[in-house]
Amino acid sequence: MKHTKRFATALALTIAIGSIGVPAASAATLVRGSSMRWRPGTVTIARGGAIRWKAVDTRHTVTAYGGGWSFSRSLAAGASTTRTFNRAGTYRYYCTIHGSVAGGTCSGMCGKVVVG
């Protein structure tokens, strides 16, 4: 009987603590590729945050440049890809179909993720 009472008390505490509201993992920040632009062009997130890129109107790529990371994905219209950023820094990317990088400078469909 004593063990049953302890178990019931422990169970009640577990339920009470669980209902306090531990924050759920946050959803990825959405960046849309459309009309030859990434929208928004610059996104600021906390370490451990994620970005989800979605090709809205046509095929786009998400390709890293400028060092610090390696990422390249090709997305058909309607498709998306997600990446989590665990280190602080600025991460630049572009669409190889609608943008270009020359001498470290991007033109066309370019974006950046700033991780704090």
N, C-alpha and C. Protein backbone atom coordinates (compact mmCIF):
# COMPACT_ATOMS: atom_id res chain seq x y z
N MET A 1 0.83 -1.19 0.00
CA MET A 1 0.00 0.00 0.00
C MET A 1 0.87 1.25 0.00
N LYS A 2 1.94 1.21 0.81
CA LYS A 2 2.85 2.35 0.92
C LYS A 2 3.49 2.64 -0.44
N HIS A 3 3.90 1.59 -1.17
CA HIS A 3 4.53 1.75 -2.48
C HIS A 3 3.54 2.29 -3.50
N THR A 4 2.30 1.85 -3.40
CA THR A 4 1.27 2.33 -4.32
C THR A 4 1.05 3.83 -4.13
N LYS A 5 1.06 4.27 -2.89
CA LYS A 5 0.87 5.70 -2.59
C LYS A 5 2.05 6.52 -3.12
N ARG A 6 3.26 6.01 -2.95
CA ARG A 6 4.44 6.71 -3.47
C ARG A 6 4.40 6.78 -4.99
N PHE A 7 4.01 5.67 -5.60
CA PHE A 7 3.91 5.64 -7.06
C PHE A 7 2.89 6.66 -7.55
N ALA A 8 1.73 6.71 -6.89
CA ALA A 8 0.68 7.66 -7.27
C ALA A 8 1.16 9.09 -7.11
N THR A 9 1.91 9.37 -6.04
CA THR A 9 2.44 10.72 -5.81
C THR A 9 3.47 11.07 -6.89
N ALA A 10 4.36 10.12 -7.19
CA ALA A 10 5.37 10.36 -8.23
C ALA A 10 4.71 10.58 -9.58
N LEU A 11 3.69 9.80 -9.89
CA LEU A 11 2.97 9.96 -11.15
C LEU A 11 2.30 11.32 -11.22
N ALA A 12 1.67 11.73 -10.14
CA ALA A 12 1.01 13.05 -10.11
C ALA A 12 2.01 14.17 -10.31
N LEU A 13 3.18 14.07 -9.69
CA LEU A 13 4.22 15.09 -9.87
C LEU A 13 4.72 15.11 -11.30
N THR A 14 4.91 13.96 -11.91
CA THR A 14 5.37 13.87 -13.30
C THR A 14 4.37 14.55 -14.23
N ILE A 15 3.09 14.27 -14.02
CA ILE A 15 2.05 14.88 -14.85
C ILE A 15 2.02 16.39 -14.63
N ALA A 16 2.11 16.83 -13.37
CA ALA A 16 2.09 18.26 -13.07
C ALA A 16 3.27 18.98 -13.70
N ILE A 17 4.46 18.40 -13.57
CA ILE A 17 5.65 19.02 -14.16
C ILE A 17 5.54 19.05 -15.67
N GLY A 18 5.05 17.99 -16.27
CA GLY A 18 4.89 17.93 -17.73
C GLY A 18 3.89 18.95 -18.25
N SER A 19 2.91 19.33 -17.44
CA SER A 19 1.90 20.27 -17.92
C SER A 19 2.31 21.72 -17.70
N ILE A 20 3.47 21.96 -17.06
CA ILE A 20 3.93 23.32 -16.82
C ILE A 20 4.18 24.04 -18.14
N GLY A 21 4.61 23.31 -19.12
CA GLY A 21 4.82 23.95 -20.41
C GLY A 21 6.27 24.07 -20.78
N VAL A 22 6.95 22.99 -20.86
CA VAL A 22 8.32 23.00 -21.37
C VAL A 22 8.23 23.39 -22.84
N PRO A 23 8.99 24.38 -23.28
CA PRO A 23 8.87 24.82 -24.66
C PRO A 23 9.22 23.71 -25.63
N ALA A 24 8.41 23.57 -26.65
CA ALA A 24 8.67 22.59 -27.69
C ALA A 24 9.77 23.12 -28.60
N ALA A 25 10.40 22.24 -29.33
CA ALA A 25 11.43 22.67 -30.29
C ALA A 25 10.79 23.62 -31.28
N SER A 26 11.45 24.72 -31.54
CA SER A 26 10.87 25.72 -32.42
C SER A 26 10.90 25.24 -33.86
N ALA A 27 9.95 25.69 -34.61
CA ALA A 27 9.87 25.34 -36.02
C ALA A 27 10.95 26.08 -36.79
N ALA A 28 11.31 25.54 -37.92
CA ALA A 28 12.33 26.17 -38.76
C ALA A 28 11.79 27.47 -39.33
N THR A 29 12.68 28.45 -39.47
CA THR A 29 12.33 29.71 -40.10
C THR A 29 12.26 29.48 -41.61
N LEU A 30 11.18 29.90 -42.23
CA LEU A 30 10.97 29.67 -43.66
C LEU A 30 11.55 30.79 -44.50
N VAL A 31 12.32 30.41 -45.51
CA VAL A 31 12.83 31.34 -46.52
C VAL A 31 12.28 30.85 -47.85
N ARG A 32 11.59 31.73 -48.56
CA ARG A 32 10.96 31.34 -49.83
C ARG A 32 11.78 31.84 -51.01
N GLY A 33 11.94 30.96 -52.00
CA GLY A 33 12.60 31.34 -53.24
C GLY A 33 11.55 31.57 -54.30
N SER A 34 11.39 32.84 -54.69
CA SER A 34 10.43 33.16 -55.76
C SER A 34 10.82 34.48 -56.41
N SER A 35 10.39 34.63 -57.64
CA SER A 35 10.68 35.85 -58.41
C SER A 35 12.16 36.20 -58.37
N MET A 36 13.00 35.17 -58.45
CA MET A 36 14.46 35.31 -58.50
C MET A 36 15.05 35.97 -57.26
N ARG A 37 14.38 35.78 -56.09
CA ARG A 37 14.87 36.33 -54.83
C ARG A 37 14.61 35.35 -53.70
N TRP A 38 15.46 35.39 -52.67
CA TRP A 38 15.19 34.69 -51.42
C TRP A 38 14.49 35.69 -50.51
N ARG A 39 13.38 35.29 -49.93
CA ARG A 39 12.60 36.18 -49.06
C ARG A 39 12.36 35.51 -47.73
N PRO A 40 12.80 36.09 -46.62
CA PRO A 40 13.65 37.28 -46.54
C PRO A 40 15.08 36.98 -46.98
N GLY A 41 15.78 38.01 -47.40
CA GLY A 41 17.15 37.87 -47.88
C GLY A 41 18.15 37.61 -46.76
N THR A 42 17.87 38.16 -45.59
CA THR A 42 18.70 37.94 -44.41
C THR A 42 17.82 37.44 -43.28
N VAL A 43 18.26 36.36 -42.65
CA VAL A 43 17.52 35.78 -41.53
C VAL A 43 18.46 35.68 -40.34
N THR A 44 17.99 36.12 -39.17
CA THR A 44 18.77 36.01 -37.95
C THR A 44 18.08 34.99 -37.03
N ILE A 45 18.88 34.00 -36.58
CA ILE A 45 18.35 32.96 -35.70
C ILE A 45 19.33 32.73 -34.55
N ALA A 46 18.87 32.05 -33.52
CA ALA A 46 19.73 31.66 -32.40
C ALA A 46 20.46 30.37 -32.76
N ARG A 47 21.57 30.11 -32.08
CA ARG A 47 22.27 28.84 -32.26
C ARG A 47 21.31 27.70 -31.98
N GLY A 48 21.37 26.68 -32.81
CA GLY A 48 20.47 25.54 -32.69
C GLY A 48 19.19 25.72 -33.48
N GLY A 49 19.01 26.91 -34.08
CA GLY A 49 17.84 27.17 -34.90
C GLY A 49 17.99 26.58 -36.29
N ALA A 50 16.88 26.48 -36.99
CA ALA A 50 16.90 25.87 -38.32
C ALA A 50 16.27 26.81 -39.34
N ILE A 51 16.73 26.66 -40.57
CA ILE A 51 16.17 27.38 -41.71
C ILE A 51 15.59 26.33 -42.66
N ARG A 52 14.40 26.62 -43.17
CA ARG A 52 13.80 25.77 -44.20
C ARG A 52 13.65 26.62 -45.45
N TRP A 53 14.34 26.23 -46.52
CA TRP A 53 14.24 26.92 -47.80
C TRP A 53 13.22 26.21 -48.65
N LYS A 54 12.34 26.98 -49.27
CA LYS A 54 11.31 26.40 -50.13
C LYS A 54 11.34 27.07 -51.49
N ALA A 55 11.42 26.26 -52.54
CA ALA A 55 11.34 26.78 -53.92
C ALA A 55 9.86 26.95 -54.24
N VAL A 56 9.42 28.17 -54.41
CA VAL A 56 7.99 28.44 -54.59
C VAL A 56 7.57 28.35 -56.05
N ASP A 57 8.28 29.04 -56.93
CA ASP A 57 7.79 29.20 -58.29
C ASP A 57 8.49 28.37 -59.36
N THR A 58 9.72 28.00 -59.14
CA THR A 58 10.49 27.25 -60.12
C THR A 58 11.64 26.56 -59.41
N ARG A 59 12.49 25.87 -60.13
CA ARG A 59 13.64 25.19 -59.52
C ARG A 59 14.66 26.22 -59.02
N HIS A 60 15.19 25.97 -57.82
CA HIS A 60 16.23 26.81 -57.23
C HIS A 60 17.25 25.90 -56.55
N THR A 61 18.45 26.42 -56.35
CA THR A 61 19.43 25.72 -55.52
C THR A 61 19.72 26.57 -54.31
N VAL A 62 20.14 25.91 -53.25
CA VAL A 62 20.63 26.57 -52.04
C VAL A 62 22.07 26.12 -51.92
N THR A 63 23.00 27.00 -52.27
CA THR A 63 24.41 26.65 -52.33
C THR A 63 25.22 27.60 -51.47
N ALA A 64 25.99 27.04 -50.54
CA ALA A 64 26.83 27.84 -49.63
C ALA A 64 28.00 28.44 -50.38
N TYR A 65 28.43 29.62 -49.94
CA TYR A 65 29.67 30.22 -50.45
C TYR A 65 30.29 31.07 -49.35
N GLY A 66 31.55 31.36 -49.51
CA GLY A 66 32.23 32.23 -48.55
C GLY A 66 32.84 31.51 -47.36
N GLY A 67 32.82 30.18 -47.35
CA GLY A 67 33.46 29.44 -46.27
C GLY A 67 32.60 29.29 -45.04
N GLY A 68 33.07 28.45 -44.13
CA GLY A 68 32.37 28.26 -42.86
C GLY A 68 31.32 27.17 -42.87
N TRP A 69 30.90 26.74 -44.05
CA TRP A 69 29.91 25.67 -44.12
C TRP A 69 29.89 25.08 -45.52
N SER A 70 29.31 23.93 -45.63
CA SER A 70 29.20 23.25 -46.91
C SER A 70 27.76 22.80 -47.07
N PHE A 71 27.10 23.30 -48.09
CA PHE A 71 25.69 22.97 -48.27
C PHE A 71 25.32 23.24 -49.71
N SER A 72 24.69 22.30 -50.35
CA SER A 72 24.18 22.51 -51.71
C SER A 72 23.00 21.57 -51.92
N ARG A 73 21.86 22.15 -52.21
CA ARG A 73 20.65 21.37 -52.47
C ARG A 73 19.94 21.96 -53.69
N SER A 74 19.42 21.09 -54.52
CA SER A 74 18.62 21.51 -55.66
C SER A 74 17.16 21.19 -55.34
N LEU A 75 16.31 22.18 -55.50
CA LEU A 75 14.91 22.03 -55.13
C LEU A 75 13.99 22.25 -56.33
N ALA A 76 13.13 21.30 -56.59
CA ALA A 76 12.09 21.48 -57.60
C ALA A 76 11.03 22.42 -57.03
N ALA A 77 10.24 23.04 -57.88
CA ALA A 77 9.16 23.92 -57.42
C ALA A 77 8.29 23.17 -56.42
N GLY A 78 8.06 23.79 -55.26
CA GLY A 78 7.25 23.19 -54.22
C GLY A 78 8.03 22.39 -53.20
N ALA A 79 9.29 22.06 -53.49
CA ALA A 79 10.11 21.27 -52.57
C ALA A 79 10.82 22.17 -51.57
N SER A 80 11.29 21.57 -50.48
CA SER A 80 12.03 22.34 -49.48
C SER A 80 13.12 21.48 -48.87
N THR A 81 14.06 22.16 -48.21
CA THR A 81 15.14 21.50 -47.48
C THR A 81 15.41 22.31 -46.22
N THR A 82 15.89 21.64 -45.19
CA THR A 82 16.11 22.29 -43.90
C THR A 82 17.53 22.02 -43.42
N ARG A 83 18.10 23.02 -42.75
CA ARG A 83 19.42 22.87 -42.14
C ARG A 83 19.39 23.53 -40.77
N THR A 84 19.98 22.88 -39.79
CA THR A 84 20.12 23.42 -38.44
C THR A 84 21.50 24.03 -38.30
N PHE A 85 21.56 25.20 -37.66
CA PHE A 85 22.83 25.92 -37.47
C PHE A 85 23.18 25.91 -35.99
N ASN A 86 24.28 25.25 -35.65
CA ASN A 86 24.67 25.10 -34.25
C ASN A 86 25.82 26.01 -33.84
N ARG A 87 26.43 26.69 -34.78
CA ARG A 87 27.54 27.60 -34.47
C ARG A 87 27.20 29.03 -34.86
N ALA A 88 27.61 29.96 -34.02
CA ALA A 88 27.40 31.38 -34.33
C ALA A 88 28.22 31.75 -35.56
N GLY A 89 27.69 32.65 -36.35
CA GLY A 89 28.41 33.12 -37.53
C GLY A 89 27.44 33.60 -38.60
N THR A 90 27.99 34.02 -39.72
CA THR A 90 27.20 34.45 -40.86
C THR A 90 27.42 33.44 -41.97
N TYR A 91 26.35 32.91 -42.49
CA TYR A 91 26.38 31.87 -43.51
C TYR A 91 25.71 32.41 -44.77
N ARG A 92 26.47 32.49 -45.85
CA ARG A 92 25.96 33.04 -47.11
C ARG A 92 25.64 31.92 -48.08
N TYR A 93 24.62 32.15 -48.89
CA TYR A 93 24.21 31.15 -49.88
C TYR A 93 23.61 31.85 -51.09
N TYR A 94 23.47 31.10 -52.17
CA TYR A 94 22.87 31.66 -53.39
C TYR A 94 22.26 30.54 -54.22
N CYS A 95 21.48 30.92 -55.21
CA CYS A 95 20.91 29.99 -56.16
C CYS A 95 21.83 29.99 -57.38
N THR A 96 22.39 28.84 -57.72
CA THR A 96 23.32 28.77 -58.85
C THR A 96 22.62 28.97 -60.19
N ILE A 97 21.32 28.85 -60.21
CA ILE A 97 20.54 29.05 -61.45
C ILE A 97 20.27 30.54 -61.66
N HIS A 98 19.99 31.26 -60.58
CA HIS A 98 19.56 32.67 -60.67
C HIS A 98 20.51 33.65 -59.99
N GLY A 99 21.70 33.23 -59.68
CA GLY A 99 22.69 34.11 -59.04
C GLY A 99 24.09 33.64 -59.38
N SER A 100 25.05 34.42 -58.96
CA SER A 100 26.46 34.05 -59.19
C SER A 100 27.33 34.69 -58.13
N VAL A 101 28.51 34.10 -57.96
CA VAL A 101 29.49 34.63 -57.01
C VAL A 101 30.79 34.81 -57.76
N ALA A 102 31.32 36.03 -57.69
CA ALA A 102 32.61 36.34 -58.32
C ALA A 102 33.42 37.17 -57.33
N GLY A 103 34.64 36.72 -57.05
CA GLY A 103 35.50 37.45 -56.13
C GLY A 103 34.90 37.58 -54.74
N GLY A 104 34.08 36.60 -54.33
CA GLY A 104 33.47 36.63 -53.00
C GLY A 104 32.23 37.49 -52.90
N THR A 105 31.82 38.10 -54.02
CA THR A 105 30.62 38.94 -54.05
C THR A 105 29.52 38.24 -54.81
N CYS A 106 28.35 38.20 -54.21
CA CYS A 106 27.21 37.53 -54.82
C CYS A 106 26.32 38.55 -55.53
N SER A 107 25.80 38.16 -56.67
CA SER A 107 24.80 38.98 -57.36
C SER A 107 23.66 38.08 -57.77
N GLY A 108 22.49 38.65 -57.86
CA GLY A 108 21.31 37.87 -58.20
C GLY A 108 20.63 37.33 -56.97
N MET A 109 20.28 36.07 -56.99
CA MET A 109 19.51 35.43 -55.94
C MET A 109 20.43 34.97 -54.80
N CYS A 110 20.66 35.87 -53.84
CA CYS A 110 21.61 35.64 -52.74
C CYS A 110 20.89 35.82 -51.40
N GLY A 111 21.42 35.16 -50.38
CA GLY A 111 20.86 35.31 -49.04
C GLY A 111 21.90 35.03 -47.99
N LYS A 112 21.54 35.30 -46.73
CA LYS A 112 22.45 34.98 -45.64
C LYS A 112 21.67 34.65 -44.38
N VAL A 113 22.30 33.80 -43.57
CA VAL A 113 21.77 33.41 -42.27
C VAL A 113 22.77 33.91 -41.24
N VAL A 114 22.28 34.69 -40.28
CA VAL A 114 23.11 35.19 -39.19
C VAL A 114 22.69 34.42 -37.93
N VAL A 115 23.65 33.71 -37.36
CA VAL A 115 23.38 32.88 -36.19
C VAL A 115 24.05 33.51 -34.98
N GLY A 116 23.24 33.84 -33.97
CA GLY A 116 23.75 34.51 -32.77
C GLY A 116 24.07 33.58 -31.66
